[in-house]
Structures are given as structure tokens and as C-alpha cells.
Amino acid sequence: MRLFNKVIDIVIKLLIPLVILALLMGIARIFLDLRTVFSSPTIVAGFDIMVTNILSMFIVIELLRSIIEYFDIHRLRITFIMDATIVFILREVMVGLYKHGMTAIEITSIGVLLGVIGGIRTLAVIYSPDNLKGKTRHEQGLVG
């Protein structure tokens, strides 16, 4: 198990610079796409690309937070994973609504999905190991 933890630490240490590089490349891409905003026939067409790129950056930022948190405490926090998932779904909703390409059924389905993921995230916060530390088994509800 000790070897496994060392290998995981090395992998995480290698992932952090890669994600930072991806963030820098994403920021550079956003600045390069400013040309598209100025050269597009309508502002809507140019902003469509910008909105998509900026929302994608937020997803990468949430994933970086998850990686750094794992490096600090050596466990994944489901709340960060859920945050990244929620940001990704919201990105898809915003892009779909911005392009006027979503039907009412799709919007309803995504709304239900967001509700379920939000519920899972809430339960993850309530039943977090950090919240359960220092409580007796009876206070945790583990003993009847």
C-alpha cells in the first residue's frame, strides 16, 4: 500500500503542472479568439465562441482544485467532483440556451440531473468524514 501511495503522489505531482499548462493554453486561446469576436459578421457569433471557451476554463479550474486537494489530504472530495460536474452541465445548458438549440424536454432533463447531482453534493457535505470526526458512533447514527 505504501508503494501505491508513492506512485499516486508522483502522478498527482505530474498532473498539477499539466493542468496549469492547460489553463495557460486556455487563456491564450481566449485571447486569440478575440480576433473572431472582432472579425465575425455579428457579435452573437463571436461571443458564442468566447462564452464556450470561458465556461470550459471554469471546468478545468474545478478539476485543478480537486487535484490539489487530493495532494493535500490524500483523498478525493466528492464535493469538488460534483462542483466540476455541475459547472460542466451548466456550461452545456448555457451554451445550448445561448445557441437556442435546446428543447423543453432537454432542459427539463438537465434540470432533474442538476437536482440529483445537487442532492448528492448536499449529502456529501452533510455526511463528510470531516463532519463526522470527533463524534461518537451513537451521534453519527451508526448505533440504534
N, C-alpha and C. Protein backbone atom coordinates (compact mmCIF):
# COMPACT_ATOMS: atom_id res chain seq x y z
N MET A 1 0.81 -1.19 0.00
CA MET A 1 0.00 0.00 0.00
C MET A 1 0.86 1.26 0.00
N ARG A 2 2.00 1.21 0.63
CA ARG A 2 2.89 2.36 0.68
C ARG A 2 3.41 2.69 -0.72
N LEU A 3 3.75 1.66 -1.51
CA LEU A 3 4.21 1.87 -2.89
C LEU A 3 3.12 2.53 -3.72
N PHE A 4 1.89 2.05 -3.54
CA PHE A 4 0.76 2.61 -4.27
C PHE A 4 0.61 4.10 -3.96
N ASN A 5 0.69 4.46 -2.69
CA ASN A 5 0.56 5.88 -2.30
C ASN A 5 1.68 6.73 -2.88
N LYS A 6 2.88 6.19 -2.94
CA LYS A 6 4.00 6.95 -3.53
C LYS A 6 3.79 7.15 -5.02
N VAL A 7 3.31 6.11 -5.70
CA VAL A 7 3.06 6.22 -7.14
C VAL A 7 1.96 7.25 -7.40
N ILE A 8 0.90 7.20 -6.60
CA ILE A 8 -0.19 8.17 -6.76
C ILE A 8 0.31 9.58 -6.51
N ASP A 9 1.14 9.78 -5.51
CA ASP A 9 1.70 11.10 -5.24
C ASP A 9 2.52 11.61 -6.42
N ILE A 10 3.29 10.73 -7.04
CA ILE A 10 4.09 11.12 -8.21
C ILE A 10 3.18 11.50 -9.37
N VAL A 11 2.14 10.71 -9.59
CA VAL A 11 1.20 11.00 -10.68
C VAL A 11 0.52 12.35 -10.45
N ILE A 12 0.09 12.59 -9.21
CA ILE A 12 -0.56 13.86 -8.88
C ILE A 12 0.41 15.02 -9.08
N LYS A 13 1.66 14.83 -8.65
CA LYS A 13 2.65 15.90 -8.84
C LYS A 13 2.88 16.19 -10.31
N LEU A 14 2.77 15.18 -11.17
CA LEU A 14 2.92 15.39 -12.60
C LEU A 14 1.68 16.03 -13.22
N LEU A 15 0.52 15.75 -12.64
CA LEU A 15 -0.72 16.30 -13.18
C LEU A 15 -0.85 17.80 -12.94
N ILE A 16 -0.36 18.27 -11.82
CA ILE A 16 -0.53 19.69 -11.48
C ILE A 16 0.10 20.61 -12.52
N PRO A 17 1.38 20.39 -12.90
CA PRO A 17 1.93 21.28 -13.95
C PRO A 17 1.21 21.13 -15.29
N LEU A 18 0.73 19.93 -15.60
CA LEU A 18 0.00 19.75 -16.85
C LEU A 18 -1.31 20.53 -16.86
N VAL A 19 -2.01 20.51 -15.75
CA VAL A 19 -3.27 21.25 -15.68
C VAL A 19 -3.00 22.76 -15.71
N ILE A 20 -1.95 23.20 -15.05
CA ILE A 20 -1.60 24.63 -15.09
C ILE A 20 -1.24 25.02 -16.52
N LEU A 21 -0.50 24.17 -17.21
CA LEU A 21 -0.18 24.43 -18.62
C LEU A 21 -1.45 24.49 -19.46
N ALA A 22 -2.39 23.59 -19.19
CA ALA A 22 -3.67 23.61 -19.92
C ALA A 22 -4.43 24.91 -19.64
N LEU A 23 -4.38 25.38 -18.39
CA LEU A 23 -5.02 26.66 -18.07
C LEU A 23 -4.39 27.81 -18.83
N LEU A 24 -3.06 27.82 -18.87
CA LEU A 24 -2.37 28.89 -19.60
C LEU A 24 -2.69 28.83 -21.09
N MET A 25 -2.72 27.62 -21.64
CA MET A 25 -3.08 27.48 -23.06
C MET A 25 -4.52 27.92 -23.30
N GLY A 26 -5.40 27.61 -22.36
CA GLY A 26 -6.79 28.04 -22.49
C GLY A 26 -6.92 29.55 -22.46
N ILE A 27 -6.18 30.19 -21.59
CA ILE A 27 -6.21 31.66 -21.52
C ILE A 27 -5.66 32.25 -22.82
N ALA A 28 -4.57 31.67 -23.31
CA ALA A 28 -4.02 32.14 -24.59
C ALA A 28 -5.04 31.96 -25.71
N ARG A 29 -5.75 30.85 -25.69
CA ARG A 29 -6.76 30.58 -26.71
C ARG A 29 -7.88 31.62 -26.65
N ILE A 30 -8.27 31.98 -25.45
CA ILE A 30 -9.32 33.00 -25.30
C ILE A 30 -8.87 34.32 -25.91
N PHE A 31 -7.61 34.71 -25.66
CA PHE A 31 -7.10 35.96 -26.24
C PHE A 31 -6.99 35.86 -27.76
N LEU A 32 -6.59 34.69 -28.26
CA LEU A 32 -6.51 34.53 -29.71
C LEU A 32 -7.90 34.57 -30.35
N ASP A 33 -8.90 34.07 -29.63
CA ASP A 33 -10.26 34.08 -30.18
C ASP A 33 -10.91 35.45 -30.15
N LEU A 34 -10.25 36.41 -29.53
CA LEU A 34 -10.76 37.78 -29.58
C LEU A 34 -10.81 38.28 -31.03
N ARG A 35 -9.87 37.77 -31.85
CA ARG A 35 -9.90 38.13 -33.28
C ARG A 35 -11.23 37.74 -33.89
N THR A 36 -11.74 36.57 -33.49
CA THR A 36 -13.00 36.08 -34.03
C THR A 36 -14.15 37.01 -33.65
N VAL A 37 -14.10 37.52 -32.43
CA VAL A 37 -15.16 38.44 -31.99
C VAL A 37 -15.16 39.69 -32.87
N PHE A 38 -13.97 40.21 -33.15
CA PHE A 38 -13.89 41.44 -33.94
C PHE A 38 -14.13 41.21 -35.42
N SER A 39 -13.82 40.02 -35.92
CA SER A 39 -13.98 39.78 -37.36
C SER A 39 -15.28 39.07 -37.72
N SER A 40 -16.06 38.64 -36.75
CA SER A 40 -17.30 37.93 -37.06
C SER A 40 -18.35 38.91 -37.59
N PRO A 41 -19.25 38.40 -38.44
CA PRO A 41 -20.26 39.30 -39.01
C PRO A 41 -21.23 39.84 -37.97
N THR A 42 -21.48 39.06 -36.92
CA THR A 42 -22.34 39.55 -35.84
C THR A 42 -21.64 39.32 -34.51
N ILE A 43 -22.00 40.09 -33.53
CA ILE A 43 -21.41 39.94 -32.19
C ILE A 43 -21.80 38.59 -31.60
N VAL A 44 -23.02 38.14 -31.89
CA VAL A 44 -23.50 36.88 -31.33
C VAL A 44 -22.60 35.72 -31.74
N ALA A 45 -22.19 35.70 -32.98
CA ALA A 45 -21.32 34.61 -33.46
C ALA A 45 -19.98 34.62 -32.75
N GLY A 46 -19.42 35.78 -32.55
CA GLY A 46 -18.14 35.89 -31.86
C GLY A 46 -18.23 35.55 -30.39
N PHE A 47 -19.28 36.03 -29.74
CA PHE A 47 -19.44 35.76 -28.32
C PHE A 47 -19.78 34.30 -28.05
N ASP A 48 -20.36 33.63 -29.02
CA ASP A 48 -20.65 32.21 -28.85
C ASP A 48 -19.37 31.42 -28.56
N ILE A 49 -18.32 31.72 -29.29
CA ILE A 49 -17.03 31.05 -29.09
C ILE A 49 -16.44 31.47 -27.75
N MET A 50 -16.51 32.75 -27.43
CA MET A 50 -15.93 33.24 -26.17
C MET A 50 -16.62 32.65 -24.95
N VAL A 51 -17.94 32.58 -24.97
CA VAL A 51 -18.68 32.03 -23.84
C VAL A 51 -18.32 30.56 -23.64
N THR A 52 -18.26 29.81 -24.71
CA THR A 52 -17.90 28.40 -24.61
C THR A 52 -16.50 28.22 -24.04
N ASN A 53 -15.54 28.99 -24.51
CA ASN A 53 -14.16 28.87 -24.03
C ASN A 53 -14.03 29.27 -22.56
N ILE A 54 -14.68 30.33 -22.18
CA ILE A 54 -14.57 30.79 -20.79
C ILE A 54 -15.22 29.79 -19.84
N LEU A 55 -16.37 29.27 -20.19
CA LEU A 55 -17.02 28.27 -19.33
C LEU A 55 -16.19 26.99 -19.26
N SER A 56 -15.53 26.63 -20.33
CA SER A 56 -14.65 25.46 -20.30
C SER A 56 -13.48 25.67 -19.35
N MET A 57 -13.00 26.89 -19.27
CA MET A 57 -11.91 27.19 -18.33
C MET A 57 -12.34 26.97 -16.89
N PHE A 58 -13.59 27.30 -16.58
CA PHE A 58 -14.08 27.07 -15.22
C PHE A 58 -14.07 25.58 -14.86
N ILE A 59 -14.35 24.73 -15.83
CA ILE A 59 -14.32 23.30 -15.58
C ILE A 59 -12.90 22.85 -15.26
N VAL A 60 -11.94 23.32 -16.02
CA VAL A 60 -10.54 22.96 -15.77
C VAL A 60 -10.09 23.47 -14.40
N ILE A 61 -10.55 24.65 -14.01
CA ILE A 61 -10.20 25.20 -12.70
C ILE A 61 -10.76 24.32 -11.59
N GLU A 62 -11.99 23.86 -11.72
CA GLU A 62 -12.59 22.97 -10.71
C GLU A 62 -11.81 21.66 -10.62
N LEU A 63 -11.39 21.13 -11.75
CA LEU A 63 -10.61 19.89 -11.73
C LEU A 63 -9.25 20.11 -11.08
N LEU A 64 -8.64 21.25 -11.32
CA LEU A 64 -7.36 21.57 -10.68
C LEU A 64 -7.53 21.66 -9.17
N ARG A 65 -8.62 22.26 -8.73
CA ARG A 65 -8.90 22.31 -7.28
C ARG A 65 -8.98 20.91 -6.70
N SER A 66 -9.61 20.01 -7.42
CA SER A 66 -9.75 18.63 -6.95
C SER A 66 -8.40 17.94 -6.86
N ILE A 67 -7.55 18.16 -7.84
CA ILE A 67 -6.23 17.54 -7.85
C ILE A 67 -5.38 18.08 -6.70
N ILE A 68 -5.39 19.38 -6.51
CA ILE A 68 -4.60 19.98 -5.43
C ILE A 68 -5.11 19.54 -4.07
N GLU A 69 -6.42 19.44 -3.93
CA GLU A 69 -6.99 18.97 -2.66
C GLU A 69 -6.57 17.53 -2.38
N TYR A 70 -6.54 16.70 -3.41
CA TYR A 70 -6.09 15.32 -3.22
C TYR A 70 -4.64 15.30 -2.76
N PHE A 71 -3.84 16.15 -3.33
CA PHE A 71 -2.43 16.21 -2.96
C PHE A 71 -2.27 16.62 -1.50
N ASP A 72 -3.12 17.51 -1.03
CA ASP A 72 -3.03 17.98 0.35
C ASP A 72 -3.53 16.96 1.37
N ILE A 73 -4.69 16.35 1.12
CA ILE A 73 -5.30 15.49 2.14
C ILE A 73 -5.32 14.01 1.77
N HIS A 74 -4.86 13.65 0.59
CA HIS A 74 -4.76 12.27 0.12
C HIS A 74 -6.10 11.55 0.06
N ARG A 75 -7.12 12.28 -0.30
CA ARG A 75 -8.41 11.68 -0.61
C ARG A 75 -9.17 12.64 -1.51
N LEU A 76 -10.02 12.09 -2.33
CA LEU A 76 -10.83 12.92 -3.22
C LEU A 76 -12.05 13.41 -2.46
N ARG A 77 -12.33 14.67 -2.58
CA ARG A 77 -13.56 15.21 -2.00
C ARG A 77 -14.62 15.16 -3.09
N ILE A 78 -15.67 14.44 -2.79
CA ILE A 78 -16.75 14.29 -3.77
C ILE A 78 -17.38 15.64 -4.09
N THR A 79 -17.29 16.59 -3.14
CA THR A 79 -17.88 17.90 -3.40
C THR A 79 -17.18 18.61 -4.55
N PHE A 80 -15.86 18.48 -4.65
CA PHE A 80 -15.15 19.12 -5.76
C PHE A 80 -15.49 18.44 -7.10
N ILE A 81 -15.63 17.12 -7.06
CA ILE A 81 -16.02 16.40 -8.28
C ILE A 81 -17.42 16.82 -8.71
N MET A 82 -18.32 16.91 -7.73
CA MET A 82 -19.69 17.34 -8.03
C MET A 82 -19.71 18.78 -8.53
N ASP A 83 -18.87 19.64 -7.94
CA ASP A 83 -18.79 21.03 -8.41
C ASP A 83 -18.37 21.09 -9.87
N ALA A 84 -17.35 20.30 -10.23
CA ALA A 84 -16.89 20.28 -11.62
C ALA A 84 -18.00 19.75 -12.54
N THR A 85 -18.73 18.74 -12.07
CA THR A 85 -19.83 18.18 -12.86
C THR A 85 -20.94 19.21 -13.05
N ILE A 86 -21.27 19.90 -11.97
CA ILE A 86 -22.32 20.93 -12.06
C ILE A 86 -21.89 22.05 -13.01
N VAL A 87 -20.64 22.48 -12.90
CA VAL A 87 -20.14 23.52 -13.80
C VAL A 87 -20.20 23.05 -15.25
N PHE A 88 -19.82 21.78 -15.49
CA PHE A 88 -19.86 21.23 -16.85
C PHE A 88 -21.29 21.22 -17.39
N ILE A 89 -22.23 20.77 -16.57
CA ILE A 89 -23.63 20.70 -17.02
C ILE A 89 -24.17 22.11 -17.25
N LEU A 90 -23.85 23.03 -16.35
CA LEU A 90 -24.29 24.41 -16.53
C LEU A 90 -23.69 25.02 -17.78
N ARG A 91 -22.46 24.65 -18.08
CA ARG A 91 -21.83 25.13 -19.31
C ARG A 91 -22.63 24.66 -20.51
N GLU A 92 -22.99 23.38 -20.51
CA GLU A 92 -23.76 22.83 -21.63
C GLU A 92 -25.12 23.52 -21.74
N VAL A 93 -25.76 23.77 -20.60
CA VAL A 93 -27.06 24.44 -20.61
C VAL A 93 -26.91 25.86 -21.16
N MET A 94 -25.90 26.57 -20.67
CA MET A 94 -25.72 27.95 -21.11
C MET A 94 -25.40 28.03 -22.59
N VAL A 95 -24.55 27.12 -23.06
CA VAL A 95 -24.22 27.12 -24.49
C VAL A 95 -25.46 26.75 -25.31
N GLY A 96 -26.19 25.73 -24.85
CA GLY A 96 -27.40 25.31 -25.57
C GLY A 96 -28.46 26.40 -25.61
N LEU A 97 -28.64 27.08 -24.49
CA LEU A 97 -29.62 28.15 -24.46
C LEU A 97 -29.15 29.36 -25.27
N TYR A 98 -27.86 29.61 -25.21
CA TYR A 98 -27.31 30.74 -25.96
C TYR A 98 -27.47 30.54 -27.46
N LYS A 99 -27.32 29.29 -27.90
CA LYS A 99 -27.47 28.97 -29.32
C LYS A 99 -28.92 28.69 -29.71
N HIS A 100 -29.82 28.71 -28.74
CA HIS A 100 -31.23 28.39 -28.97
C HIS A 100 -31.38 26.98 -29.56
N GLY A 101 -30.58 26.04 -29.06
CA GLY A 101 -30.59 24.70 -29.62
C GLY A 101 -31.11 23.63 -28.68
N MET A 102 -31.81 24.01 -27.60
CA MET A 102 -32.29 23.02 -26.64
C MET A 102 -33.82 23.02 -26.63
N THR A 103 -34.36 21.80 -26.54
CA THR A 103 -35.81 21.67 -26.45
C THR A 103 -36.22 21.70 -24.98
N ALA A 104 -37.52 21.81 -24.76
CA ALA A 104 -38.04 21.85 -23.38
C ALA A 104 -37.74 20.54 -22.65
N ILE A 105 -37.80 19.43 -23.35
CA ILE A 105 -37.52 18.13 -22.72
C ILE A 105 -36.06 18.05 -22.29
N GLU A 106 -35.16 18.54 -23.13
CA GLU A 106 -33.74 18.54 -22.77
C GLU A 106 -33.48 19.43 -21.55
N ILE A 107 -34.09 20.58 -21.53
CA ILE A 107 -33.90 21.49 -20.40
C ILE A 107 -34.46 20.87 -19.12
N THR A 108 -35.62 20.24 -19.21
CA THR A 108 -36.20 19.57 -18.04
C THR A 108 -35.33 18.44 -17.56
N SER A 109 -34.83 17.63 -18.49
CA SER A 109 -33.96 16.50 -18.13
C SER A 109 -32.69 16.99 -17.44
N ILE A 110 -32.10 18.01 -17.97
CA ILE A 110 -30.89 18.56 -17.37
C ILE A 110 -31.19 19.17 -16.01
N GLY A 111 -32.36 19.78 -15.87
CA GLY A 111 -32.77 20.32 -14.57
C GLY A 111 -32.90 19.22 -13.52
N VAL A 112 -33.50 18.10 -13.91
CA VAL A 112 -33.60 16.96 -12.99
C VAL A 112 -32.22 16.43 -12.66
N LEU A 113 -31.36 16.31 -13.65
CA LEU A 113 -29.99 15.84 -13.42
C LEU A 113 -29.24 16.77 -12.46
N LEU A 114 -29.39 18.08 -12.65
CA LEU A 114 -28.76 19.04 -11.74
C LEU A 114 -29.32 18.89 -10.32
N GLY A 115 -30.60 18.63 -10.22
CA GLY A 115 -31.21 18.42 -8.90
C GLY A 115 -30.63 17.20 -8.20
N VAL A 116 -30.48 16.11 -8.95
CA VAL A 116 -29.91 14.89 -8.37
C VAL A 116 -28.45 15.11 -7.96
N ILE A 117 -27.68 15.72 -8.84
CA ILE A 117 -26.26 15.97 -8.51
C ILE A 117 -26.16 16.95 -7.33
N GLY A 118 -27.01 17.95 -7.30
CA GLY A 118 -27.03 18.87 -6.17
C GLY A 118 -27.39 18.15 -4.87
N GLY A 119 -28.33 17.20 -4.95
CA GLY A 119 -28.68 16.41 -3.77
C GLY A 119 -27.52 15.55 -3.30
N ILE A 120 -26.82 14.93 -4.24
CA ILE A 120 -25.65 14.12 -3.89
C ILE A 120 -24.58 15.00 -3.26
N ARG A 121 -24.38 16.17 -3.80
CA ARG A 121 -23.37 17.08 -3.23
C ARG A 121 -23.77 17.50 -1.82
N THR A 122 -25.04 17.79 -1.62
CA THR A 122 -25.51 18.16 -0.29
C THR A 122 -25.30 17.02 0.70
N LEU A 123 -25.64 15.81 0.30
CA LEU A 123 -25.42 14.65 1.17
C LEU A 123 -23.93 14.44 1.45
N ALA A 124 -23.10 14.71 0.45
CA ALA A 124 -21.66 14.57 0.65
C ALA A 124 -21.15 15.58 1.67
N VAL A 125 -21.74 16.76 1.70
CA VAL A 125 -21.34 17.76 2.69
C VAL A 125 -21.84 17.35 4.08
N ILE A 126 -23.09 16.90 4.15
CA ILE A 126 -23.67 16.52 5.44
C ILE A 126 -22.93 15.33 6.05
N TYR A 127 -22.64 14.34 5.22
CA TYR A 127 -22.01 13.11 5.71
C TYR A 127 -20.52 13.05 5.41
N SER A 128 -19.89 14.20 5.36
CA SER A 128 -18.46 14.28 5.11
C SER A 128 -17.68 13.68 6.28
N PRO A 129 -16.57 12.99 6.00
CA PRO A 129 -15.74 12.48 7.10
C PRO A 129 -15.25 13.59 8.03
N ASP A 130 -15.08 14.80 7.49
CA ASP A 130 -14.67 15.92 8.34
C ASP A 130 -15.75 16.27 9.36
N ASN A 131 -17.02 16.17 8.95
CA ASN A 131 -18.12 16.47 9.87
C ASN A 131 -18.32 15.37 10.89
N LEU A 132 -17.93 14.13 10.54
CA LEU A 132 -18.15 13.00 11.43
C LEU A 132 -17.02 12.78 12.41
N LYS A 133 -15.87 13.46 12.21
CA LYS A 133 -14.73 13.29 13.12
C LYS A 133 -15.10 13.80 14.50
N GLY A 134 -14.68 13.08 15.52
CA GLY A 134 -14.89 13.51 16.89
C GLY A 134 -16.26 13.16 17.45
N LYS A 135 -17.16 12.66 16.63
CA LYS A 135 -18.47 12.25 17.11
C LYS A 135 -18.43 10.78 17.50
N THR A 136 -19.23 10.42 18.44
CA THR A 136 -19.33 9.01 18.83
C THR A 136 -20.15 8.28 17.78
N ARG A 137 -20.11 6.96 17.83
CA ARG A 137 -20.87 6.17 16.89
C ARG A 137 -22.37 6.42 17.06
N HIS A 138 -22.81 6.70 18.30
CA HIS A 138 -24.21 6.98 18.54
C HIS A 138 -24.61 8.31 17.93
N GLU A 139 -23.77 9.35 18.05
CA GLU A 139 -24.06 10.66 17.47
C GLU A 139 -24.07 10.62 15.95
N GLN A 140 -23.30 9.68 15.37
CA GLN A 140 -23.25 9.55 13.93
C GLN A 140 -24.47 8.81 13.39
N GLY A 141 -25.26 8.19 14.30
CA GLY A 141 -26.41 7.43 13.85
C GLY A 141 -26.06 6.01 13.45
N LEU A 142 -24.85 5.57 13.83
CA LEU A 142 -24.42 4.22 13.46
C LEU A 142 -24.91 3.18 14.47
N VAL A 143 -25.31 3.61 15.66
CA VAL A 143 -25.79 2.69 16.68
C VAL A 143 -27.24 3.03 16.94
N GLY A 144 -28.10 2.00 16.99
CA GLY A 144 -29.54 2.22 17.12
C GLY A 144 -30.03 2.53 18.45
